[in-house]
Amino acid sequence: MHKAIFVVILLCICNVCQAYQYLNEIEIAGKILDQDGNLITSEVTLTVELESVTYPDIVKSKFYDEITSETNTLEKKVFGGTFSWKLPDATNCTIKASKEGYHGDVIEPQDEESKIIAKDLIFHLVKKGTPVKLEYTNGAQIPGIGNKQSSGKQCGWSFSKRWYFPVDEDVPVDIVLGTNYNKKRTYTMKEPGGFVYCPGLPAYGSRLNELYNDFNWMPEAPEDGYVQTICPADNADKEKGDIYYYFKTPEGKYGKIAFRGYIDYYINPDGSRNLEVEKFWYRPPLNPNIEHMPDDNEAYLPDE
């Protein structure tokens, strides 16, 4: 009797200790649209990456150091703008829709109760624009009056200097930081420049109010519709993540900008509205006393 109980206990311990996989049942369906919401009925390629994660023997291993995964890639040609696909079981799933001449879209549906069942997916393929060389600056910041970096002064951003300056000093600024009656940050472009809000696109039919965006989905700036003052926080409840705008500088150059706590933006130096990235000159924010030096991150340097 005691021997039988001992054997049962050993079997239970072995089952707990053995390596195991956590797999989800996966089934997807949905539609593929252009930027105007029309079905793309010609050929589109769906590429699915299925990751299967194996967790180790929790007694004999350091656990996290020995988690392994295997990726399986599947491809399907879709016609008519709609699809339905029962996939092999896996831990995680990433789906990409692609088509020549268009920017692709990627969705990573989440698991729920050992299943990844997403039957209302919406992929958006935005047609590519005219490729041009752009100037790119990331990590820009304009300190508020309460920030010690501003020395208690209202500040703005200079595109030519790529740094912030007090608005009442000698260096002219292009964007002025302010606040509205709700104490939310506002950004005002000096005349005759301005901003045009670029709404994102939904990824699920059941969540049409959740919008996602990307610089790649902004291939050309609009000709008109620009306003001088914006409050990105007004759109934060609509979008998941960053808030995007097209903009026109006071000098008449067009660009695209993302507010993500800090500021990232592209500018077309030739004055056209084309914002499709062929190559970009990486121009990081600089202190006025620091001379810009090329580094390995720069995709190209314009002719001097």
Protein backbone atom coordinates (compact mmCIF):
# COMPACT_ATOMS: atom_id res chain seq x y z
CA MET A 1 0.00 0.00 0.00
CA HIS A 2 2.69 2.47 1.02
CA LYS A 3 4.73 1.49 -2.04
CA ALA A 4 1.76 2.23 -4.36
CA ILE A 5 1.25 5.68 -2.82
CA PHE A 6 4.97 6.40 -3.21
CA VAL A 7 4.82 5.52 -6.93
CA VAL A 8 1.80 7.81 -7.48
CA ILE A 9 3.63 10.69 -5.77
CA LEU A 10 6.70 10.13 -7.95
CA LEU A 11 4.57 10.16 -11.10
CA CYS A 12 2.94 13.44 -10.06
CA ILE A 13 6.32 15.04 -9.39
CA CYS A 14 7.62 13.91 -12.78
CA ASN A 15 4.61 15.39 -14.53
CA VAL A 16 5.20 18.73 -12.84
CA CYS A 17 8.89 18.69 -13.66
CA GLN A 18 8.67 17.74 -17.33
CA ALA A 19 9.07 20.35 -20.04
CA TYR A 20 5.76 21.48 -21.50
CA GLN A 21 4.27 23.74 -24.18
CA TYR A 22 1.52 26.31 -23.77
CA LEU A 23 -0.37 26.28 -27.08
CA ASN A 24 -3.44 28.15 -28.25
CA GLU A 25 -6.06 27.15 -30.76
CA ILE A 26 -5.81 29.75 -33.55
CA GLU A 27 -8.42 30.84 -36.06
CA ILE A 28 -8.44 34.17 -37.94
CA ALA A 29 -10.76 35.90 -40.39
CA GLY A 30 -11.31 39.42 -41.61
CA LYS A 31 -10.93 41.83 -44.50
CA ILE A 32 -8.24 43.83 -46.30
CA LEU A 33 -8.93 47.49 -47.07
CA ASP A 34 -7.18 50.43 -48.70
CA GLN A 35 -6.75 53.77 -46.90
CA ASP A 36 -10.22 54.85 -48.04
CA GLY A 37 -11.95 51.80 -46.59
CA ASN A 38 -12.48 49.96 -49.88
CA LEU A 39 -11.88 46.21 -50.20
CA ILE A 40 -8.67 45.34 -52.06
CA THR A 41 -9.99 42.58 -54.29
CA SER A 42 -6.73 41.85 -56.14
CA GLU A 43 -4.05 39.51 -54.78
CA VAL A 44 -2.74 40.16 -51.26
CA THR A 45 -0.24 37.99 -49.39
CA LEU A 46 -0.93 37.01 -45.79
CA THR A 47 2.15 35.83 -43.90
CA VAL A 48 1.69 34.24 -40.48
CA GLU A 49 4.47 33.58 -37.96
CA LEU A 50 3.51 31.01 -35.35
CA GLU A 51 5.71 30.85 -32.26
CA SER A 52 5.56 27.73 -30.09
CA VAL A 53 7.20 28.22 -26.70
CA THR A 54 8.57 25.31 -24.67
CA TYR A 55 9.00 25.81 -20.92
CA PRO A 56 11.71 23.71 -19.24
CA ASP A 57 11.78 21.25 -16.37
CA ILE A 58 11.26 23.67 -13.46
CA VAL A 59 13.31 21.56 -11.02
CA LYS A 60 16.37 20.85 -13.15
CA SER A 61 16.74 24.22 -14.86
CA LYS A 62 17.09 27.92 -14.20
CA PHE A 63 13.74 28.16 -15.97
CA TYR A 64 13.81 31.55 -17.74
CA ASP A 65 17.31 30.94 -19.09
CA GLU A 66 16.16 27.74 -20.75
CA ILE A 67 12.80 28.71 -22.31
CA THR A 68 12.98 27.81 -25.99
CA SER A 69 10.77 28.68 -28.94
CA GLU A 70 10.24 27.50 -32.47
CA THR A 71 8.80 29.65 -35.26
CA ASN A 72 6.77 28.33 -38.16
CA THR A 73 5.98 30.65 -41.10
CA LEU A 74 2.93 30.10 -43.31
CA GLU A 75 1.79 32.05 -46.36
CA LYS A 76 -1.58 32.42 -48.05
CA LYS A 77 -2.70 34.31 -51.17
CA VAL A 78 -5.97 36.17 -50.65
CA PHE A 79 -8.34 37.37 -53.36
CA GLY A 80 -11.57 39.32 -53.01
CA GLY A 81 -10.55 41.30 -49.92
CA THR A 82 -11.74 38.79 -47.30
CA PHE A 83 -10.14 35.75 -45.69
CA SER A 84 -10.72 32.95 -43.19
CA TRP A 85 -7.94 30.68 -41.94
CA LYS A 86 -7.75 27.88 -39.35
CA LEU A 87 -4.11 27.74 -38.25
CA PRO A 88 -2.03 25.16 -36.36
CA ASP A 89 -1.93 25.53 -32.59
CA ALA A 90 0.84 27.81 -31.29
CA THR A 91 1.71 30.04 -28.36
CA ASN A 92 1.79 33.37 -30.22
CA CYS A 93 0.68 34.54 -33.65
CA THR A 94 1.79 37.48 -35.83
CA ILE A 95 -0.02 38.21 -39.11
CA LYS A 96 1.22 40.50 -41.88
CA ALA A 97 -0.67 41.60 -44.99
CA SER A 98 1.48 42.77 -47.92
CA LYS A 99 1.09 43.81 -51.53
CA GLU A 100 3.53 45.28 -54.03
CA GLY A 101 3.26 49.05 -54.22
CA TYR A 102 1.58 49.30 -50.80
CA HIS A 103 2.73 49.65 -47.21
CA GLY A 104 1.94 46.48 -45.27
CA ASP A 105 0.06 46.05 -42.03
CA VAL A 106 0.81 43.79 -39.05
CA ILE A 107 -1.55 42.55 -36.30
CA GLU A 108 -0.66 40.44 -33.26
CA PRO A 109 -3.94 39.11 -31.81
CA GLN A 110 -3.81 38.18 -28.14
CA ASP A 111 -4.80 34.87 -26.57
CA GLU A 112 -7.80 34.44 -24.32
CA GLU A 113 -8.68 31.22 -22.49
CA SER A 114 -6.20 29.09 -24.47
CA LYS A 115 -7.49 30.43 -27.77
CA ILE A 116 -6.56 33.07 -30.33
CA ILE A 117 -9.86 33.54 -32.14
CA ALA A 118 -9.89 36.79 -34.13
CA LYS A 119 -12.59 36.83 -36.80
CA ASP A 120 -12.97 40.60 -37.24
CA LEU A 121 -9.42 41.59 -38.24
CA ILE A 122 -9.01 44.65 -40.48
CA PHE A 123 -5.79 45.03 -42.46
CA HIS A 124 -5.11 48.37 -44.12
CA LEU A 125 -2.75 48.65 -47.09
CA VAL A 126 -1.79 52.25 -47.87
CA LYS A 127 -0.52 52.94 -51.37
CA LYS A 128 3.07 54.16 -51.49
CA GLY A 129 3.78 57.72 -52.62
CA THR A 130 6.68 59.32 -54.49
CA PRO A 131 9.99 58.35 -52.79
CA VAL A 132 12.12 61.32 -51.70
CA LYS A 133 14.99 62.07 -49.36
CA LEU A 134 13.79 63.47 -46.05
CA GLU A 135 15.39 64.93 -42.95
CA TYR A 136 14.54 63.04 -39.76
CA THR A 137 14.82 64.22 -36.15
CA ASN A 138 13.78 62.13 -33.16
CA GLY A 139 13.65 62.65 -29.42
CA ALA A 140 12.98 66.39 -29.65
CA GLN A 141 11.59 68.01 -26.49
CA ILE A 142 10.27 71.45 -25.60
CA PRO A 143 10.41 72.07 -21.84
CA GLY A 144 7.44 73.69 -20.14
CA ILE A 145 7.65 76.83 -18.02
CA GLY A 146 7.74 74.72 -14.85
CA ASN A 147 10.69 72.68 -16.11
CA LYS A 148 14.09 73.91 -14.88
CA GLN A 149 15.49 73.51 -18.40
CA SER A 150 13.28 76.39 -19.56
CA SER A 151 14.52 78.74 -16.81
CA GLY A 152 10.90 79.69 -16.21
CA LYS A 153 10.36 80.95 -19.76
CA GLN A 154 7.95 79.89 -22.49
CA CYS A 155 9.90 77.92 -25.09
CA GLY A 156 9.52 76.78 -28.66
CA TRP A 157 11.26 74.58 -31.23
CA SER A 158 13.50 75.74 -34.08
CA PHE A 159 13.60 73.45 -37.13
CA SER A 160 16.77 75.08 -38.44
CA LYS A 161 18.62 74.90 -35.09
CA ARG A 162 17.03 71.59 -34.02
CA TRP A 163 16.72 72.73 -30.42
CA TYR A 164 14.38 74.61 -28.09
CA PHE A 165 14.72 78.32 -27.27
CA PRO A 166 12.77 80.88 -25.23
CA VAL A 167 10.20 82.57 -27.46
CA ASP A 168 11.26 86.05 -26.36
CA GLU A 169 14.94 85.74 -27.30
CA ASP A 170 16.92 86.27 -30.50
CA VAL A 171 16.57 82.81 -32.09
CA PRO A 172 13.23 82.56 -33.95
CA VAL A 173 11.22 79.45 -33.08
CA ASP A 174 8.77 77.65 -35.37
CA ILE A 175 6.63 75.77 -32.81
CA VAL A 176 5.58 77.42 -29.53
CA LEU A 177 4.63 75.27 -26.54
CA GLY A 178 1.66 76.44 -24.52
CA THR A 179 -1.24 75.10 -22.43
CA ASN A 180 -5.01 75.29 -22.80
CA TYR A 181 -7.69 75.89 -20.17
CA ASN A 182 -7.41 72.22 -19.08
CA LYS A 183 -3.66 72.67 -18.60
CA LYS A 184 -2.96 70.29 -21.49
CA ARG A 185 -0.02 70.92 -23.77
CA THR A 186 -0.72 72.82 -26.98
CA TYR A 187 1.60 73.38 -29.92
CA THR A 188 1.29 76.45 -32.12
CA MET A 189 3.06 76.68 -35.49
CA LYS A 190 4.07 80.20 -36.46
CA GLU A 191 2.20 81.68 -39.43
CA PRO A 192 1.73 80.73 -42.19
CA GLY A 193 2.51 77.18 -41.01
CA GLY A 194 0.18 74.73 -39.31
CA PHE A 195 -0.89 71.15 -38.54
CA VAL A 196 -3.35 68.62 -39.97
CA TYR A 197 -4.38 65.74 -37.70
CA CYS A 198 -3.78 62.31 -39.25
CA PRO A 199 -6.19 59.79 -37.69
CA GLY A 200 -5.08 56.22 -37.43
CA LEU A 201 -6.89 53.11 -38.65
CA PRO A 202 -8.65 50.35 -36.63
CA ALA A 203 -7.32 46.80 -36.46
CA TYR A 204 -10.56 45.11 -35.36
CA GLY A 205 -14.11 45.51 -36.58
CA SER A 206 -15.38 45.30 -33.01
CA ARG A 207 -13.09 48.13 -31.88
CA LEU A 208 -13.51 50.82 -34.50
CA ASN A 209 -12.72 53.59 -31.99
CA GLU A 210 -9.23 52.19 -31.28
CA LEU A 211 -6.91 53.64 -33.90
CA TYR A 212 -3.35 52.73 -34.83
CA ASN A 213 -0.97 54.75 -36.98
CA ASP A 214 2.50 54.70 -38.48
CA PHE A 215 4.76 57.12 -40.36
CA ASN A 216 4.66 54.72 -43.34
CA TRP A 217 0.92 55.42 -43.68
CA MET A 218 1.63 59.12 -44.34
CA PRO A 219 3.08 59.24 -47.88
CA GLU A 220 1.92 62.76 -48.86
CA ALA A 221 0.98 65.89 -46.93
CA PRO A 222 -2.39 67.48 -47.71
CA GLU A 223 -2.45 70.74 -49.61
CA ASP A 224 -4.72 72.61 -47.21
CA GLY A 225 -6.70 72.23 -43.99
CA TYR A 226 -3.85 73.33 -41.70
CA VAL A 227 -4.56 74.89 -38.30
CA GLN A 228 -2.05 76.78 -36.22
CA THR A 229 -2.74 75.39 -32.73
CA ILE A 230 -3.27 71.75 -31.75
CA CYS A 231 -3.67 69.76 -28.52
CA PRO A 232 -2.50 66.16 -29.16
CA ALA A 233 -4.05 64.99 -25.87
CA ASP A 234 -7.49 65.62 -27.38
CA ASN A 235 -6.90 62.63 -29.66
CA ALA A 236 -5.12 60.38 -27.15
CA ASP A 237 -8.30 58.52 -26.20
CA LYS A 238 -8.88 57.55 -29.85
CA GLU A 239 -5.44 56.22 -30.69
CA LYS A 240 -3.40 53.40 -29.20
CA GLY A 241 0.03 54.98 -28.81
CA ASP A 242 1.46 57.94 -30.65
CA ILE A 243 -0.48 60.90 -32.08
CA TYR A 244 0.37 61.87 -35.67
CA TYR A 245 0.02 65.09 -37.66
CA TYR A 246 1.11 66.44 -41.00
CA PHE A 247 2.64 69.88 -40.71
CA LYS A 248 3.78 72.84 -42.77
CA THR A 249 6.62 75.02 -41.47
CA PRO A 250 6.48 78.83 -41.52
CA GLU A 251 8.91 78.58 -44.48
CA GLY A 252 6.46 76.39 -46.41
CA LYS A 253 8.21 73.02 -46.03
CA TYR A 254 6.01 69.97 -45.42
CA GLY A 255 6.56 67.17 -42.93
CA LYS A 256 5.01 64.58 -40.65
CA ILE A 257 5.31 64.57 -36.87
CA ALA A 258 4.54 62.19 -33.99
CA PHE A 259 3.90 63.24 -30.40
CA ARG A 260 4.93 60.41 -28.09
CA GLY A 261 5.95 62.22 -24.92
CA TYR A 262 8.85 63.53 -26.99
CA ILE A 263 8.63 64.61 -30.65
CA ASP A 264 9.75 62.79 -33.81
CA TYR A 265 9.41 64.33 -37.25
CA TYR A 266 10.36 64.16 -40.92
CA ILE A 267 10.75 67.23 -43.15
CA ASN A 268 10.95 67.34 -46.94
CA PRO A 269 13.70 69.89 -47.63
CA ASP A 270 12.70 70.46 -51.27
CA GLY A 271 9.33 72.01 -50.39
CA SER A 272 7.09 69.41 -52.06
CA ARG A 273 4.33 67.53 -50.24
CA ASN A 274 5.92 64.12 -50.91
CA LEU A 275 6.71 62.33 -47.63
CA GLU A 276 7.42 58.79 -48.85
CA VAL A 277 10.81 57.89 -47.36
CA GLU A 278 13.39 56.86 -49.96
CA LYS A 279 16.31 57.68 -47.69
CA PHE A 280 16.57 60.02 -44.75
CA TRP A 281 19.24 62.21 -43.27
CA TYR A 282 19.20 61.58 -39.54
CA ARG A 283 19.52 64.93 -37.81
CA PRO A 284 19.24 64.45 -34.03
CA PRO A 285 18.29 67.27 -31.66
CA LEU A 286 21.31 69.40 -30.87
CA ASN A 287 22.32 71.86 -28.25
CA PRO A 288 23.13 75.17 -30.01
CA ASN A 289 26.76 74.87 -28.89
CA ILE A 290 27.24 71.34 -30.31
CA GLU A 291 28.21 70.96 -33.94
CA HIS A 292 26.48 68.10 -35.78
CA MET A 293 28.78 65.20 -36.57
CA PRO A 294 27.80 62.35 -38.93
CA ASP A 295 27.52 58.90 -37.42
CA ASP A 296 26.70 55.35 -38.51
CA ASN A 297 22.97 55.91 -38.05
CA GLU A 298 22.75 58.33 -40.95
CA ALA A 299 21.22 56.81 -44.05
CA TYR A 300 22.82 59.45 -46.27
CA LEU A 301 24.47 62.83 -46.20
CA PRO A 302 23.39 65.49 -48.69
CA ASP A 303 25.98 67.08 -50.94
CA GLU A 304 27.79 69.89 -49.24
